[in-house]
């Protein structure tokens, strides 16, 4: 359920023209009393480019770095975010980093 909410937040900010670029557990605040979630730290965010435009600068946490950036030193916003969501889901389920 939590990962669904994070996904919806990412979708919302994409539609507003922003890509976060530093999704990680430390940037997600959860209020257990109200069951609300807040995504914080937009310091690494960028204007969302089209699905065919690349980012060549990496901003974020290295454990969440997408394979596209590791191999080609460039990435697109949506696929990189999907990769990060997968790493985040693994972190939440296993309570440890995948890499």
PDB file of N, CA and C in Angstrom:
ATOM      1  N   UNK A   1       0.819  -1.189   0.000  1.00  0.00           N
ATOM      2  CA  UNK A   1       0.000   0.000   0.000  1.00  0.00           C
ATOM      3  C   UNK A   1       0.867   1.258   0.000  1.00  0.00           C
ATOM      4  N   UNK A   2       1.894   1.296   0.827  1.00  0.00           N
ATOM      5  CA  UNK A   2       2.760   2.463   0.905  1.00  0.00           C
ATOM      6  C   UNK A   2       3.429   2.751  -0.435  1.00  0.00           C
ATOM      7  N   UNK A   3       3.921   1.715  -1.105  1.00  0.00           N
ATOM      8  CA  UNK A   3       4.587   1.920  -2.396  1.00  0.00           C
ATOM      9  C   UNK A   3       3.596   2.448  -3.434  1.00  0.00           C
ATOM     10  N   UNK A   4       2.326   2.057  -3.328  1.00  0.00           N
ATOM     11  CA  UNK A   4       1.305   2.594  -4.243  1.00  0.00           C
ATOM     12  C   UNK A   4       1.156   4.096  -4.073  1.00  0.00           C
ATOM     13  N   UNK A   5       1.149   4.547  -2.838  1.00  0.00           N
ATOM     14  CA  UNK A   5       1.017   5.977  -2.567  1.00  0.00           C
ATOM     15  C   UNK A   5       2.233   6.730  -3.094  1.00  0.00           C
ATOM     16  N   UNK A   6       3.408   6.169  -2.893  1.00  0.00           N
ATOM     17  CA  UNK A   6       4.630   6.808  -3.395  1.00  0.00           C
ATOM     18  C   UNK A   6       4.581   6.873  -4.925  1.00  0.00           C
ATOM     19  N   UNK A   7       4.133   5.803  -5.557  1.00  0.00           N
ATOM     20  CA  UNK A   7       3.980   5.794  -7.010  1.00  0.00           C
ATOM     21  C   UNK A   7       3.031   6.897  -7.460  1.00  0.00           C
ATOM     22  N   UNK A   8       1.893   7.043  -6.779  1.00  0.00           N
ATOM     23  CA  UNK A   8       0.916   8.066  -7.146  1.00  0.00           C
ATOM     24  C   UNK A   8       1.488   9.472  -6.952  1.00  0.00           C
ATOM     25  N   UNK A   9       2.281   9.662  -5.911  1.00  0.00           N
ATOM     26  CA  UNK A   9       2.932  10.953  -5.708  1.00  0.00           C
ATOM     27  C   UNK A   9       3.891  11.245  -6.857  1.00  0.00           C
ATOM     28  N   UNK A  10       4.674  10.245  -7.263  1.00  0.00           N
ATOM     29  CA  UNK A  10       5.603  10.422  -8.396  1.00  0.00           C
ATOM     30  C   UNK A  10       4.839  10.754  -9.671  1.00  0.00           C
ATOM     31  N   UNK A  11       3.744  10.060  -9.903  1.00  0.00           N
ATOM     32  CA  UNK A  11       2.921  10.328 -11.077  1.00  0.00           C
ATOM     33  C   UNK A  11       2.377  11.754 -11.033  1.00  0.00           C
ATOM     34  N   UNK A  12       1.938  12.188  -9.874  1.00  0.00           N
ATOM     35  CA  UNK A  12       1.414  13.541  -9.705  1.00  0.00           C
ATOM     36  C   UNK A  12       2.479  14.593 -10.026  1.00  0.00           C
ATOM     37  N   UNK A  13       3.686  14.402  -9.475  1.00  0.00           N
ATOM     38  CA  UNK A  13       4.712  15.416  -9.718  1.00  0.00           C
ATOM     39  C   UNK A  13       5.210  15.375 -11.159  1.00  0.00           C
ATOM     40  N   UNK A  14       5.206  14.186 -11.809  1.00  0.00           N
ATOM     41  CA  UNK A  14       5.518  14.128 -13.248  1.00  0.00           C
ATOM     42  C   UNK A  14       4.534  14.991 -14.022  1.00  0.00           C
ATOM     43  N   UNK A  15       3.263  14.841 -13.691  1.00  0.00           N
ATOM     44  CA  UNK A  15       2.227  15.606 -14.393  1.00  0.00           C
ATOM     45  C   UNK A  15       2.342  17.103 -14.133  1.00  0.00           C
ATOM     46  N   UNK A  16       2.958  17.472 -13.027  1.00  0.00           N
ATOM     47  CA  UNK A  16       3.207  18.883 -12.724  1.00  0.00           C
ATOM     48  C   UNK A  16       4.520  19.367 -13.328  1.00  0.00           C
ATOM     49  N   UNK A  17       5.234  18.461 -14.015  1.00  0.00           N
ATOM     50  CA  UNK A  17       6.465  18.848 -14.698  1.00  0.00           C
ATOM     51  C   UNK A  17       7.734  18.736 -13.887  1.00  0.00           C
ATOM     52  N   UNK A  18       7.739  17.849 -12.863  1.00  0.00           N
ATOM     53  CA  UNK A  18       8.909  17.707 -11.986  1.00  0.00           C
ATOM     54  C   UNK A  18       9.276  16.230 -11.859  1.00  0.00           C
ATOM     55  N   UNK A  19      10.554  15.956 -11.858  1.00  0.00           N
ATOM     56  CA  UNK A  19      11.062  14.621 -11.528  1.00  0.00           C
ATOM     57  C   UNK A  19      11.907  14.771 -10.260  1.00  0.00           C
ATOM     58  N   UNK A  20      11.649  13.930  -9.263  1.00  0.00           N
ATOM     59  CA  UNK A  20      12.270  14.084  -7.936  1.00  0.00           C
ATOM     60  C   UNK A  20      13.769  13.786  -7.958  1.00  0.00           C
ATOM     61  N   UNK A  21      14.188  12.691  -8.501  1.00  0.00           N
ATOM     62  CA  UNK A  21      15.565  12.241  -8.690  1.00  0.00           C
ATOM     63  C   UNK A  21      16.322  11.863  -7.419  1.00  0.00           C
ATOM     64  N   UNK A  22      15.662  11.845  -6.268  1.00  0.00           N
ATOM     65  CA  UNK A  22      16.329  11.376  -5.046  1.00  0.00           C
ATOM     66  C   UNK A  22      15.336  10.654  -4.138  1.00  0.00           C
ATOM     67  N   UNK A  23      14.552   9.758  -4.739  1.00  0.00           N
ATOM     68  CA  UNK A  23      13.622   8.956  -3.940  1.00  0.00           C
ATOM     69  C   UNK A  23      14.411   7.984  -3.084  1.00  0.00           C
ATOM     70  N   UNK A  24      14.117   7.985  -1.806  1.00  0.00           N
ATOM     71  CA  UNK A  24      14.722   7.043  -0.862  1.00  0.00           C
ATOM     72  C   UNK A  24      13.913   7.106   0.417  1.00  0.00           C
ATOM     73  N   UNK A  25      14.085   6.118   1.254  1.00  0.00           N
ATOM     74  CA  UNK A  25      13.278   6.039   2.472  1.00  0.00           C
ATOM     75  C   UNK A  25      13.451   7.269   3.361  1.00  0.00           C
ATOM     76  N   UNK A  26      14.637   7.850   3.378  1.00  0.00           N
ATOM     77  CA  UNK A  26      14.880   9.031   4.203  1.00  0.00           C
ATOM     78  C   UNK A  26      14.088  10.254   3.747  1.00  0.00           C
ATOM     79  N   UNK A  27      13.609  10.237   2.512  1.00  0.00           N
ATOM     80  CA  UNK A  27      12.854  11.364   1.964  1.00  0.00           C
ATOM     81  C   UNK A  27      11.347  11.124   1.971  1.00  0.00           C
ATOM     82  N   UNK A  28      10.918  10.134   2.727  1.00  0.00           N
ATOM     83  CA  UNK A  28       9.491   9.835   2.848  1.00  0.00           C
ATOM     84  C   UNK A  28       9.116   9.911   4.322  1.00  0.00           C
ATOM     85  N   UNK A  29       8.223  10.820   4.634  1.00  0.00           N
ATOM     86  CA  UNK A  29       7.751  10.973   6.008  1.00  0.00           C
ATOM     87  C   UNK A  29       6.363  10.368   6.116  1.00  0.00           C
ATOM     88  N   UNK A  30       6.152   9.545   7.137  1.00  0.00           N
ATOM     89  CA  UNK A  30       4.871   8.889   7.346  1.00  0.00           C
ATOM     90  C   UNK A  30       4.351   9.263   8.730  1.00  0.00           C
ATOM     91  N   UNK A  31       3.118   9.730   8.761  1.00  0.00           N
ATOM     92  CA  UNK A  31       2.445  10.003  10.034  1.00  0.00           C
ATOM     93  C   UNK A  31       1.539   8.812  10.317  1.00  0.00           C
ATOM     94  N   UNK A  32       1.910   7.987  11.278  1.00  0.00           N
ATOM     95  CA  UNK A  32       1.158   6.766  11.562  1.00  0.00           C
ATOM     96  C   UNK A  32      -0.218   7.048  12.146  1.00  0.00           C
ATOM     97  N   UNK A  33      -0.381   8.188  12.817  1.00  0.00           N
ATOM     98  CA  UNK A  33      -1.688   8.534  13.384  1.00  0.00           C
ATOM     99  C   UNK A  33      -2.703   8.863  12.298  1.00  0.00           C
ATOM    100  N   UNK A  34      -2.282   9.663  11.320  1.00  0.00           N
ATOM    101  CA  UNK A  34      -3.209  10.074  10.256  1.00  0.00           C
ATOM    102  C   UNK A  34      -3.067   9.222   8.997  1.00  0.00           C
ATOM    103  N   UNK A  35      -2.063   8.351   8.989  1.00  0.00           N
ATOM    104  CA  UNK A  35      -1.760   7.512   7.828  1.00  0.00           C
ATOM    105  C   UNK A  35      -1.512   8.346   6.576  1.00  0.00           C
ATOM    106  N   UNK A  36      -0.859   9.487   6.767  1.00  0.00           N
ATOM    107  CA  UNK A  36      -0.515  10.339   5.636  1.00  0.00           C
ATOM    108  C   UNK A  36       0.970  10.209   5.333  1.00  0.00           C
ATOM    109  N   UNK A  37       1.319  10.534   4.107  1.00  0.00           N
ATOM    110  CA  UNK A  37       2.689  10.395   3.639  1.00  0.00           C
ATOM    111  C   UNK A  37       3.092  11.687   2.947  1.00  0.00           C
ATOM    112  N   UNK A  38       4.348  12.111   3.154  1.00  0.00           N
ATOM    113  CA  UNK A  38       4.864  13.315   2.519  1.00  0.00           C
ATOM    114  C   UNK A  38       6.219  12.998   1.909  1.00  0.00           C
ATOM    115  N   UNK A  39       6.386  13.368   0.652  1.00  0.00           N
ATOM    116  CA  UNK A  39       7.675  13.239  -0.022  1.00  0.00           C
ATOM    117  C   UNK A  39       8.417  14.562   0.159  1.00  0.00           C
ATOM    118  N   UNK A  40       9.650  14.486   0.671  1.00  0.00           N
ATOM    119  CA  UNK A  40      10.414  15.702   0.964  1.00  0.00           C
ATOM    120  C   UNK A  40      11.707  15.738   0.156  1.00  0.00           C
ATOM    121  N   UNK A  41      12.450  16.801   0.335  1.00  0.00           N
ATOM    122  CA  UNK A  41      13.779  17.022  -0.236  1.00  0.00           C
ATOM    123  C   UNK A  41      13.765  17.014  -1.767  1.00  0.00           C
ATOM    124  N   UNK A  42      13.301  18.098  -2.308  1.00  0.00           N
ATOM    125  CA  UNK A  42      13.275  18.265  -3.756  1.00  0.00           C
ATOM    126  C   UNK A  42      14.529  18.993  -4.251  1.00  0.00           C
ATOM    127  N   UNK A  43      15.582  18.976  -3.462  1.00  0.00           N
ATOM    128  CA  UNK A  43      16.820  19.650  -3.828  1.00  0.00           C
ATOM    129  C   UNK A  43      17.495  19.079  -5.060  1.00  0.00           C
ATOM    130  N   UNK A  44      17.292  17.808  -5.343  1.00  0.00           N
ATOM    131  CA  UNK A  44      17.880  17.178  -6.520  1.00  0.00           C
ATOM    132  C   UNK A  44      16.892  17.105  -7.687  1.00  0.00           C
ATOM    133  N   UNK A  45      15.707  17.629  -7.502  1.00  0.00           N
ATOM    134  CA  UNK A  45      14.676  17.524  -8.537  1.00  0.00           C
ATOM    135  C   UNK A  45      15.032  18.350  -9.764  1.00  0.00           C
ATOM    136  N   UNK A  46      14.338  18.059 -10.852  1.00  0.00           N
ATOM    137  CA  UNK A  46      14.562  18.780 -12.108  1.00  0.00           C
ATOM    138  C   UNK A  46      13.234  18.907 -12.849  1.00  0.00           C
ATOM    139  N   UNK A  47      13.229  19.798 -13.797  1.00  0.00           N
ATOM    140  CA  UNK A  47      12.072  19.909 -14.677  1.00  0.00           C
ATOM    141  C   UNK A  47      11.986  18.612 -15.471  1.00  0.00           C
ATOM    142  N   UNK A  48      10.784  18.024 -15.504  1.00  0.00           N
ATOM    143  CA  UNK A  48      10.602  16.767 -16.229  1.00  0.00           C
ATOM    144  C   UNK A  48      10.698  17.018 -17.720  1.00  0.00           C
ATOM    145  N   UNK A  49      11.597  16.298 -18.356  1.00  0.00           N
ATOM    146  CA  UNK A  49      11.760  16.377 -19.806  1.00  0.00           C
ATOM    147  C   UNK A  49      10.868  15.322 -20.443  1.00  0.00           C
ATOM    148  N   UNK A  50      10.767  15.332 -21.719  1.00  0.00           N
ATOM    149  CA  UNK A  50       9.959  14.332 -22.412  1.00  0.00           C
ATOM    150  C   UNK A  50      10.540  12.942 -22.196  1.00  0.00           C
ATOM    151  N   UNK A  51       9.758  11.938 -22.536  1.00  0.00           N
ATOM    152  CA  UNK A  51      10.193  10.551 -22.318  1.00  0.00           C
ATOM    153  C   UNK A  51      11.392  10.185 -23.187  1.00  0.00           C
ATOM    154  N   UNK A  52      11.700  10.984 -24.190  1.00  0.00           N
ATOM    155  CA  UNK A  52      12.847  10.690 -25.047  1.00  0.00           C
ATOM    156  C   UNK A  52      14.053  11.582 -24.747  1.00  0.00           C
ATOM    157  N   UNK A  53      13.915  12.461 -23.766  1.00  0.00           N
ATOM    158  CA  UNK A  53      15.027  13.337 -23.391  1.00  0.00           C
ATOM    159  C   UNK A  53      15.803  12.729 -22.231  1.00  0.00           C
ATOM    160  N   UNK A  54      17.111  12.934 -22.255  1.00  0.00           N
ATOM    161  CA  UNK A  54      17.982  12.331 -21.257  1.00  0.00           C
ATOM    162  C   UNK A  54      18.516  13.364 -20.268  1.00  0.00           C
ATOM    163  N   UNK A  55      18.763  12.894 -19.037  1.00  0.00           N
ATOM    164  CA  UNK A  55      19.509  13.643 -18.044  1.00  0.00           C
ATOM    165  C   UNK A  55      20.909  13.046 -18.036  1.00  0.00           C
ATOM    166  N   UNK A  56      21.920  13.883 -17.983  1.00  0.00           N
ATOM    167  CA  UNK A  56      23.287  13.354 -17.953  1.00  0.00           C
ATOM    168  C   UNK A  56      23.969  13.614 -16.611  1.00  0.00           C
ATOM    169  N   UNK A  57      23.295  14.329 -15.748  1.00  0.00           N
ATOM    170  CA  UNK A  57      23.844  14.581 -14.416  1.00  0.00           C
ATOM    171  C   UNK A  57      23.089  13.743 -13.398  1.00  0.00           C
ATOM    172  N   UNK A  58      23.816  13.082 -12.528  1.00  0.00           N
ATOM    173  CA  UNK A  58      23.166  12.262 -11.511  1.00  0.00           C
ATOM    174  C   UNK A  58      23.083  13.040 -10.218  1.00  0.00           C
ATOM    175  N   UNK A  59      21.874  13.134  -9.692  1.00  0.00           N
ATOM    176  CA  UNK A  59      21.653  13.729  -8.379  1.00  0.00           C
ATOM    177  C   UNK A  59      20.870  12.712  -7.575  1.00  0.00           C
ATOM    178  N   UNK A  60      21.369  12.347  -6.445  1.00  0.00           N
ATOM    179  CA  UNK A  60      20.655  11.387  -5.626  1.00  0.00           C
ATOM    180  C   UNK A  60      21.606  10.529  -4.828  1.00  0.00           C
ATOM    181  N   UNK A  61      21.116   9.405  -4.416  1.00  0.00           N
ATOM    182  CA  UNK A  61      21.863   8.484  -3.570  1.00  0.00           C
ATOM    183  C   UNK A  61      22.351   7.321  -4.418  1.00  0.00           C
ATOM    184  N   UNK A  62      23.630   7.001  -4.328  1.00  0.00           N
ATOM    185  CA  UNK A  62      24.233   6.031  -5.244  1.00  0.00           C
ATOM    186  C   UNK A  62      23.595   4.644  -5.175  1.00  0.00           C
ATOM    187  N   UNK A  63      23.060   4.240  -4.029  1.00  0.00           N
ATOM    188  CA  UNK A  63      22.438   2.921  -3.920  1.00  0.00           C
ATOM    189  C   UNK A  63      21.168   2.813  -4.779  1.00  0.00           C
ATOM    190  N   UNK A  64      20.600   3.942  -5.158  1.00  0.00           N
ATOM    191  CA  UNK A  64      19.371   3.955  -5.942  1.00  0.00           C
ATOM    192  C   UNK A  64      19.623   4.295  -7.414  1.00  0.00           C
ATOM    193  N   UNK A  65      20.872   4.364  -7.794  1.00  0.00           N
ATOM    194  CA  UNK A  65      21.257   4.756  -9.154  1.00  0.00           C
ATOM    195  C   UNK A  65      20.765   3.717 -10.170  1.00  0.00           C
ATOM    196  N   UNK A  66      20.165   4.186 -11.248  1.00  0.00           N
ATOM    197  CA  UNK A  66      19.617   3.267 -12.259  1.00  0.00           C
ATOM    198  C   UNK A  66      20.726   2.681 -13.134  1.00  0.00           C
ATOM    199  N   UNK A  67      20.494   1.492 -13.690  1.00  0.00           N
ATOM    200  CA  UNK A  67      21.504   0.860 -14.548  1.00  0.00           C
ATOM    201  C   UNK A  67      21.841   1.704 -15.775  1.00  0.00           C
ATOM    202  N   UNK A  68      20.864   2.458 -16.283  1.00  0.00           N
ATOM    203  CA  UNK A  68      21.121   3.300 -17.457  1.00  0.00           C
ATOM    204  C   UNK A  68      22.212   4.318 -17.165  1.00  0.00           C
ATOM    205  N   UNK A  69      22.165   4.902 -15.983  1.00  0.00           N
ATOM    206  CA  UNK A  69      23.183   5.880 -15.647  1.00  0.00           C
ATOM    207  C   UNK A  69      24.532   5.208 -15.412  1.00  0.00           C
ATOM    208  N   UNK A  70      24.538   4.077 -14.760  1.00  0.00           N
ATOM    209  CA  UNK A  70      25.787   3.364 -14.486  1.00  0.00           C
ATOM    210  C   UNK A  70      26.492   2.991 -15.783  1.00  0.00           C
ATOM    211  N   UNK A  71      25.738   2.497 -16.764  1.00  0.00           N
ATOM    212  CA  UNK A  71      26.319   2.024 -18.027  1.00  0.00           C
ATOM    213  C   UNK A  71      26.581   3.168 -19.005  1.00  0.00           C
ATOM    214  N   UNK A  72      25.602   4.060 -19.182  1.00  0.00           N
ATOM    215  CA  UNK A  72      25.676   5.075 -20.245  1.00  0.00           C
ATOM    216  C   UNK A  72      25.913   6.502 -19.759  1.00  0.00           C
ATOM    217  N   UNK A  73      25.881   6.702 -18.433  1.00  0.00           N
ATOM    218  CA  UNK A  73      26.012   8.043 -17.854  1.00  0.00           C
ATOM    219  C   UNK A  73      24.911   8.989 -18.332  1.00  0.00           C
ATOM    220  N   UNK A  74      23.733   8.420 -18.592  1.00  0.00           N
ATOM    221  CA  UNK A  74      22.547   9.210 -18.920  1.00  0.00           C
ATOM    222  C   UNK A  74      21.313   8.371 -18.614  1.00  0.00           C
ATOM    223  N   UNK A  75      20.196   9.032 -18.394  1.00  0.00           N
ATOM    224  CA  UNK A  75      18.972   8.327 -18.041  1.00  0.00           C
ATOM    225  C   UNK A  75      17.769   9.206 -18.365  1.00  0.00           C
ATOM    226  N   UNK A  76      16.607   8.582 -18.448  1.00  0.00           N
ATOM    227  CA  UNK A  76      15.366   9.320 -18.623  1.00  0.00           C
ATOM    228  C   UNK A  76      14.606   9.299 -17.301  1.00  0.00           C
ATOM    229  N   UNK A  77      13.725  10.255 -17.107  1.00  0.00           N
ATOM    230  CA  UNK A  77      13.072  10.446 -15.822  1.00  0.00           C
ATOM    231  C   UNK A  77      12.185   9.317 -15.362  1.00  0.00           C
ATOM    232  N   UNK A  78      11.266   8.867 -16.209  1.00  0.00           N
ATOM    233  CA  UNK A  78      10.292   7.859 -15.779  1.00  0.00           C
ATOM    234  C   UNK A  78      10.937   6.501 -15.531  1.00  0.00           C
ATOM    235  N   UNK A  79      11.692   5.929 -16.488  1.00  0.00           N
ATOM    236  CA  UNK A  79      12.300   4.622 -16.210  1.00  0.00           C
ATOM    237  C   UNK A  79      13.237   4.631 -15.004  1.00  0.00           C
ATOM    238  N   UNK A  80      13.968   5.700 -14.821  1.00  0.00           N
ATOM    239  CA  UNK A  80      14.857   5.793 -13.668  1.00  0.00           C
ATOM    240  C   UNK A  80      14.060   5.832 -12.365  1.00  0.00           C
ATOM    241  N   UNK A  81      12.945   6.536 -12.378  1.00  0.00           N
ATOM    242  CA  UNK A  81      12.081   6.588 -11.196  1.00  0.00           C
ATOM    243  C   UNK A  81      11.475   5.218 -10.909  1.00  0.00           C
ATOM    244  N   UNK A  82      11.066   4.497 -11.948  1.00  0.00           N
ATOM    245  CA  UNK A  82      10.513   3.148 -11.766  1.00  0.00           C
ATOM    246  C   UNK A  82      11.576   2.238 -11.149  1.00  0.00           C
ATOM    247  N   UNK A  83      12.817   2.334 -11.629  1.00  0.00           N
ATOM    248  CA  UNK A  83      13.914   1.553 -11.052  1.00  0.00           C
ATOM    249  C   UNK A  83      14.060   1.879  -9.555  1.00  0.00           C
ATOM    250  N   UNK A  84      14.073   3.157  -9.249  1.00  0.00           N
ATOM    251  CA  UNK A  84      14.229   3.589  -7.864  1.00  0.00           C
ATOM    252  C   UNK A  84      13.083   3.095  -6.988  1.00  0.00           C
ATOM    253  N   UNK A  85      11.866   3.117  -7.521  1.00  0.00           N
ATOM    254  CA  UNK A  85      10.724   2.591  -6.768  1.00  0.00           C
ATOM    255  C   UNK A  85      10.909   1.103  -6.471  1.00  0.00           C
ATOM    256  N   UNK A  86      11.469   0.358  -7.419  1.00  0.00           N
ATOM    257  CA  UNK A  86      11.747  -1.061  -7.198  1.00  0.00           C
ATOM    258  C   UNK A  86      12.768  -1.278  -6.102  1.00  0.00           C
ATOM    259  N   UNK A  87      13.830  -0.487  -6.125  1.00  0.00           N
ATOM    260  CA  UNK A  87      14.853  -0.573  -5.075  1.00  0.00           C
ATOM    261  C   UNK A  87      14.249  -0.192  -3.725  1.00  0.00           C
ATOM    262  N   UNK A  88      13.435   0.848  -3.728  1.00  0.00           N
ATOM    263  CA  UNK A  88      12.775   1.289  -2.498  1.00  0.00           C
ATOM    264  C   UNK A  88      11.844   0.206  -1.952  1.00  0.00           C
ATOM    265  N   UNK A  89      11.093  -0.448  -2.824  1.00  0.00           N
ATOM    266  CA  UNK A  89      10.211  -1.537  -2.399  1.00  0.00           C
ATOM    267  C   UNK A  89      11.020  -2.671  -1.768  1.00  0.00           C
ATOM    268  N   UNK A  90      12.127  -3.045  -2.400  1.00  0.00           N
ATOM    269  CA  UNK A  90      12.989  -4.087  -1.841  1.00  0.00           C
ATOM    270  C   UNK A  90      13.491  -3.665  -0.454  1.00  0.00           C
ATOM    271  N   UNK A  91      13.918  -2.419  -0.340  1.00  0.00           N
ATOM    272  CA  UNK A  91      14.403  -1.906   0.953  1.00  0.00           C
ATOM    273  C   UNK A  91      13.321  -2.012   2.026  1.00  0.00           C
ATOM    274  N   UNK A  92      12.087  -1.645   1.654  1.00  0.00           N
ATOM    275  CA  UNK A  92      10.993  -1.655   2.626  1.00  0.00           C
ATOM    276  C   UNK A  92      10.631  -3.078   3.044  1.00  0.00           C
ATOM    277  N   UNK A  93      10.648  -4.014   2.117  1.00  0.00           N
ATOM    278  CA  UNK A  93      10.264  -5.395   2.418  1.00  0.00           C
ATOM    279  C   UNK A  93      11.353  -6.120   3.184  1.00  0.00           C
ATOM    280  N   UNK A  94      12.599  -5.967   2.734  1.00  0.00           N
ATOM    281  CA  UNK A  94      13.696  -6.732   3.342  1.00  0.00           C
ATOM    282  C   UNK A  94      14.397  -5.994   4.484  1.00  0.00           C
ATOM    283  N   UNK A  95      14.146  -4.697   4.586  1.00  0.00           N
ATOM    284  CA  UNK A  95      14.778  -3.841   5.591  1.00  0.00           C
ATOM    285  C   UNK A  95      16.295  -3.769   5.433  1.00  0.00           C
ATOM    286  N   UNK A  96      16.767  -3.900   4.183  1.00  0.00           N
ATOM    287  CA  UNK A  96      18.176  -3.723   3.873  1.00  0.00           C
ATOM    288  C   UNK A  96      18.315  -3.307   2.418  1.00  0.00           C
ATOM    289  N   UNK A  97      19.457  -2.702   2.085  1.00  0.00           N
ATOM    290  CA  UNK A  97      19.704  -2.273   0.715  1.00  0.00           C
ATOM    291  C   UNK A  97      19.926  -3.474  -0.180  1.00  0.00           C
ATOM    292  N   UNK A  98      19.447  -3.374  -1.392  1.00  0.00           N
ATOM    293  CA  UNK A  98      19.626  -4.445  -2.364  1.00  0.00           C
ATOM    294  C   UNK A  98      21.074  -4.489  -2.866  1.00  0.00           C
ATOM    295  N   UNK A  99      21.718  -3.328  -2.909  1.00  0.00           N
ATOM    296  CA  UNK A  99      23.092  -3.256  -3.417  1.00  0.00           C
ATOM    297  C   UNK A  99      24.047  -2.797  -2.334  1.00  0.00           C
TER     298      UNK A  99
END
